[in-house]
């Protein structure tokens, strides 16, 4: 190949559309199938297991009790524990606020995890694709609460899932719903619309980010102990 031909090929490659970079959470999630109405606590189980927590207490029913989850009814042989039943079966759920209040803090203390959580609503995020990409790159867990017309159930019910990856304008969900094909791509624009809704209790749906708190290094300690005094 001549230099002229090589330059021509290089120019041709530049004009060719580049495939978007795929980003995935590391380490990845190991899928756990949920029991009825336990999608939120099952997602929490997958988060804990991804972060190295082991033991029989890392269980969706135990975590559902900790989060205050309600179920539509007791189904013989389906649940192992006596979980609270919602007065209205259509309102059986895990409240989004449980993932940022004392319930989740108690879970972190029980498993000796140093994590912090925060709820983000769609109108405050701006570019959802960039938001997901930034958190995936940082290794943060992304829990989404949305109306599920996108995935496994397709019944328009409220649901929780984890964002496990992103490529271009698509997000990969790790869906706790039982069965096969539990990792699948959805349009980020469509996902945003399904998150930006109201649950049966009248609360806004949103996204919960699980992350490690910022580390205070020795240099920071020195700065606050010595240099910082000047500005106080």
Protein backbone atom coordinates (compact mmCIF):
# COMPACT_ATOMS: atom_id res chain seq x y z
CA UNK A 1 0.00 0.00 0.00
CA UNK A 2 1.32 3.40 -0.97
CA UNK A 3 1.42 6.40 1.37
CA UNK A 4 -1.29 8.04 -0.71
CA UNK A 5 -3.57 4.99 -0.34
CA UNK A 6 -2.89 4.81 3.42
CA UNK A 7 -3.82 8.49 3.82
CA UNK A 8 -7.00 7.93 1.80
CA UNK A 9 -7.98 4.99 4.06
CA UNK A 10 -7.28 7.04 7.18
CA UNK A 11 -9.55 9.83 5.90
CA UNK A 12 -12.23 7.25 5.13
CA UNK A 13 -12.01 5.83 8.67
CA UNK A 14 -12.48 9.32 10.11
CA UNK A 15 -15.73 9.74 8.18
CA UNK A 16 -17.09 6.39 9.40
CA UNK A 17 -19.47 6.71 12.40
CA UNK A 18 -17.78 5.59 15.59
CA UNK A 19 -19.61 3.12 17.85
CA UNK A 20 -20.36 4.65 21.27
CA UNK A 21 -18.19 3.49 24.13
CA UNK A 22 -19.88 0.93 26.37
CA UNK A 23 -19.60 1.56 30.12
CA UNK A 24 -20.48 -1.07 32.73
CA UNK A 25 -20.57 -1.16 36.51
CA UNK A 26 -17.55 -2.93 37.99
CA UNK A 27 -17.67 -5.40 39.60
CA UNK A 28 -20.89 -6.48 37.85
CA UNK A 29 -24.18 -7.48 39.47
CA UNK A 30 -25.15 -11.10 40.01
CA UNK A 31 -28.85 -11.33 39.24
CA UNK A 32 -31.29 -12.26 42.00
CA UNK A 33 -34.94 -13.02 41.17
CA UNK A 34 -37.45 -11.11 43.25
CA UNK A 35 -40.54 -12.29 45.07
CA UNK A 36 -43.83 -10.43 44.56
CA UNK A 37 -43.52 -6.71 45.48
CA UNK A 38 -39.91 -7.14 46.66
CA UNK A 39 -38.16 -5.52 43.68
CA UNK A 40 -36.71 -2.73 45.86
CA UNK A 41 -35.25 -4.98 48.54
CA UNK A 42 -33.98 -7.42 45.88
CA UNK A 43 -32.10 -4.58 44.19
CA UNK A 44 -30.61 -3.73 47.57
CA UNK A 45 -29.56 -7.37 47.98
CA UNK A 46 -27.76 -7.23 44.62
CA UNK A 47 -26.05 -3.97 45.64
CA UNK A 48 -24.83 -5.46 48.91
CA UNK A 49 -23.59 -8.64 47.25
CA UNK A 50 -21.77 -6.64 44.57
CA UNK A 51 -20.02 -4.79 47.37
CA UNK A 52 -18.85 -8.05 48.94
CA UNK A 53 -21.43 -8.54 51.70
CA UNK A 54 -22.20 -12.21 52.34
CA UNK A 55 -24.34 -14.26 54.68
CA UNK A 56 -27.91 -15.46 55.07
CA UNK A 57 -29.07 -12.04 56.29
CA UNK A 58 -28.36 -10.60 52.83
CA UNK A 59 -31.80 -11.67 51.73
CA UNK A 60 -34.60 -9.79 50.01
CA UNK A 61 -37.17 -10.64 52.69
CA UNK A 62 -34.92 -9.62 55.59
CA UNK A 63 -34.10 -6.41 53.76
CA UNK A 64 -37.79 -5.82 52.96
CA UNK A 65 -38.54 -5.92 56.70
CA UNK A 66 -35.73 -3.42 57.32
CA UNK A 67 -37.02 -1.07 54.59
CA UNK A 68 -40.66 -1.22 55.70
CA UNK A 69 -41.82 -2.86 52.48
CA UNK A 70 -45.49 -3.86 52.26
CA UNK A 71 -46.89 -6.75 50.21
CA UNK A 72 -50.36 -7.07 48.60
CA UNK A 73 -51.24 -10.30 50.42
CA UNK A 74 -49.75 -13.34 52.11
CA UNK A 75 -49.25 -16.11 49.58
CA UNK A 76 -48.79 -19.58 51.14
CA UNK A 77 -45.32 -20.90 50.40
CA UNK A 78 -44.17 -17.73 48.63
CA UNK A 79 -42.72 -15.72 51.52
CA UNK A 80 -40.63 -17.13 54.35
CA UNK A 81 -41.23 -14.21 56.73
CA UNK A 82 -44.35 -12.43 57.96
CA UNK A 83 -44.14 -9.23 55.94
CA UNK A 84 -46.61 -6.37 56.53
CA UNK A 85 -49.63 -6.33 54.22
CA UNK A 86 -50.71 -3.06 52.62
CA UNK A 87 -54.25 -1.85 53.38
CA UNK A 88 -54.68 -1.34 49.63
CA UNK A 89 -53.02 -4.13 47.59
CA UNK A 90 -52.39 -1.68 44.74
CA UNK A 91 -50.25 0.42 47.09
CA UNK A 92 -47.96 -2.39 48.23
CA UNK A 93 -44.42 -1.05 47.78
CA UNK A 94 -41.10 0.06 49.18
CA UNK A 95 -41.12 3.82 49.70
CA UNK A 96 -38.30 5.61 47.88
CA UNK A 97 -37.52 7.57 51.06
CA UNK A 98 -36.56 4.32 52.84
CA UNK A 99 -33.37 4.28 50.76
CA UNK A 100 -32.13 7.57 52.21
CA UNK A 101 -33.55 7.57 55.76
CA UNK A 102 -32.94 5.61 58.93
CA UNK A 103 -33.98 2.24 57.42
CA UNK A 104 -31.09 2.19 54.95
CA UNK A 105 -28.68 3.63 57.52
CA UNK A 106 -29.56 0.75 59.85
CA UNK A 107 -28.82 -1.71 57.02
CA UNK A 108 -25.43 -0.12 56.40
CA UNK A 109 -24.59 -0.26 60.12
CA UNK A 110 -25.66 -3.89 60.33
CA UNK A 111 -23.28 -4.88 57.54
CA UNK A 112 -20.54 -2.41 58.52
CA UNK A 113 -20.77 -0.55 55.21
CA UNK A 114 -19.62 3.01 54.80
CA UNK A 115 -22.05 4.18 52.14
CA UNK A 116 -24.20 7.22 51.63
CA UNK A 117 -27.31 7.60 49.50
CA UNK A 118 -29.12 10.46 47.82
CA UNK A 119 -32.33 10.79 45.79
CA UNK A 120 -32.20 12.63 42.47
CA UNK A 121 -35.30 13.70 40.55
CA UNK A 122 -35.34 13.93 36.77
CA UNK A 123 -35.95 17.68 36.60
CA UNK A 124 -32.84 18.33 38.69
CA UNK A 125 -30.52 16.00 36.76
CA UNK A 126 -30.41 17.67 33.36
CA UNK A 127 -28.59 15.27 31.05
CA UNK A 128 -29.62 11.82 32.32
CA UNK A 129 -27.22 10.01 29.99
CA UNK A 130 -24.24 11.95 31.33
CA UNK A 131 -25.49 11.49 34.88
CA UNK A 132 -25.62 7.71 34.44
CA UNK A 133 -22.21 7.63 32.74
CA UNK A 134 -20.55 9.65 35.51
CA UNK A 135 -21.92 7.40 38.25
CA UNK A 136 -21.07 4.18 36.43
CA UNK A 137 -17.50 5.36 35.95
CA UNK A 138 -17.28 6.15 39.68
CA UNK A 139 -18.57 2.68 40.59
CA UNK A 140 -21.73 4.04 42.21
CA UNK A 141 -24.88 1.94 42.33
CA UNK A 142 -27.82 3.48 40.46
CA UNK A 143 -31.26 2.41 41.68
CA UNK A 144 -34.14 3.60 39.49
CA UNK A 145 -37.80 3.75 40.53
CA UNK A 146 -40.10 3.98 37.50
CA UNK A 147 -43.32 2.87 35.83
CA UNK A 148 -42.42 -0.42 34.19
CA UNK A 149 -43.77 -0.23 30.68
CA UNK A 150 -40.25 -0.80 29.37
CA UNK A 151 -39.18 -4.17 30.67
CA UNK A 152 -40.27 -7.56 31.90
CA UNK A 153 -43.71 -6.95 33.41
CA UNK A 154 -44.92 -4.30 30.92
CA UNK A 155 -47.97 -3.83 33.12
CA UNK A 156 -47.43 -0.21 34.00
CA UNK A 157 -46.75 -1.01 37.65
CA UNK A 158 -44.17 0.77 39.78
CA UNK A 159 -40.84 -1.03 39.77
CA UNK A 160 -37.22 -0.87 40.91
CA UNK A 161 -34.20 -1.89 38.83
CA UNK A 162 -30.47 -1.19 38.72
CA UNK A 163 -28.60 0.53 35.91
CA UNK A 164 -25.69 -1.78 35.13
CA UNK A 165 -24.38 -0.17 31.95
CA UNK A 166 -24.72 2.47 29.25
CA UNK A 167 -23.95 2.65 25.55
CA UNK A 168 -24.86 5.71 23.55
CA UNK A 169 -28.50 6.60 24.15
CA UNK A 170 -29.33 3.27 25.82
CA UNK A 171 -29.07 2.20 29.44
CA UNK A 172 -28.73 -1.43 30.50
CA UNK A 173 -31.05 -2.43 33.32
CA UNK A 174 -30.45 -5.26 35.75
CA UNK A 175 -34.09 -6.16 36.39
CA UNK A 176 -34.90 -8.24 39.49
CA UNK A 177 -37.94 -9.71 37.75
CA UNK A 178 -37.81 -13.50 37.58
CA UNK A 179 -37.05 -15.41 34.39
CA UNK A 180 -34.42 -15.04 31.68
CA UNK A 181 -33.04 -11.96 29.92
CA UNK A 182 -32.78 -9.89 33.08
CA UNK A 183 -30.15 -7.57 31.61
CA UNK A 184 -31.54 -5.55 28.72
CA UNK A 185 -31.23 -2.13 27.10
CA UNK A 186 -33.83 0.64 27.24
CA UNK A 187 -33.87 4.11 25.73
CA UNK A 188 -32.53 6.67 28.21
CA UNK A 189 -35.14 9.17 27.01
CA UNK A 190 -37.95 6.67 27.63
CA UNK A 191 -36.50 5.74 31.01
CA UNK A 192 -36.46 9.40 32.04
CA UNK A 193 -40.16 9.73 31.20
CA UNK A 194 -41.04 6.63 33.24
CA UNK A 195 -39.03 7.82 36.24
CA UNK A 196 -40.60 11.28 36.14
CA UNK A 197 -43.94 9.99 37.50
CA UNK A 198 -45.92 9.78 40.73
CA UNK A 199 -46.35 6.56 42.76
CA UNK A 200 -49.72 5.34 44.19
CA UNK A 201 -48.92 7.02 47.53
CA UNK A 202 -48.56 10.40 45.82
CA UNK A 203 -44.76 10.52 45.99
CA UNK A 204 -42.39 11.36 43.15
CA UNK A 205 -40.33 8.57 41.68
CA UNK A 206 -36.62 9.13 41.24
CA UNK A 207 -33.10 7.71 41.26
CA UNK A 208 -31.10 6.70 44.34
CA UNK A 209 -27.30 6.81 44.12
CA UNK A 210 -25.29 4.59 46.48
CA UNK A 211 -21.71 5.77 46.88
CA UNK A 212 -18.77 5.70 49.24
CA UNK A 213 -18.28 8.98 51.12
CA UNK A 214 -15.45 11.23 50.00
CA UNK A 215 -12.21 10.20 51.64
CA UNK A 216 -10.36 12.63 53.88
CA UNK A 217 -6.67 12.11 53.13
CA UNK A 218 -3.72 12.92 55.38
CA UNK A 219 -3.07 15.96 53.20
CA UNK A 220 -6.60 17.22 53.88
CA UNK A 221 -6.09 16.70 57.63
CA UNK A 222 -2.82 18.68 57.48
CA UNK A 223 -4.51 21.48 55.52
CA UNK A 224 -7.40 21.79 58.01
CA UNK A 225 -5.10 21.50 61.04
CA UNK A 226 -2.53 24.05 59.93
CA UNK A 227 -3.29 26.12 56.83
CA UNK A 228 -7.07 26.17 57.32
CA UNK A 229 -6.71 28.02 60.63
CA UNK A 230 -5.55 31.12 58.80
CA UNK A 231 -8.96 31.49 57.15
CA UNK A 232 -11.03 30.90 60.30
